[in-house]
């Protein structure tokens, strides 16, 4: 996925939803990093804990969607 590529990241909504104990803490738009299929963003968390991070890409034109989940520990 790249800007202007076959899967044009300029046309796809790419975000991370950060949750702590089921509560949404932050929703972060992700930007192309310069490396294909790698995106960057910064979440603001204020408490220690294990955060669930859901990353999704959604193509509004086709409805195609991809989702991934990671757990990030803040100590």
Foldseek 3Di string as FASTA:
>chain_A
DDCVDPPHQVQKFKWKFKDDPRHTQDIWTWDDPPDPPDTDTDGDDDDFDKIKIKIKIARPVPRDMDIDIDIDGDD
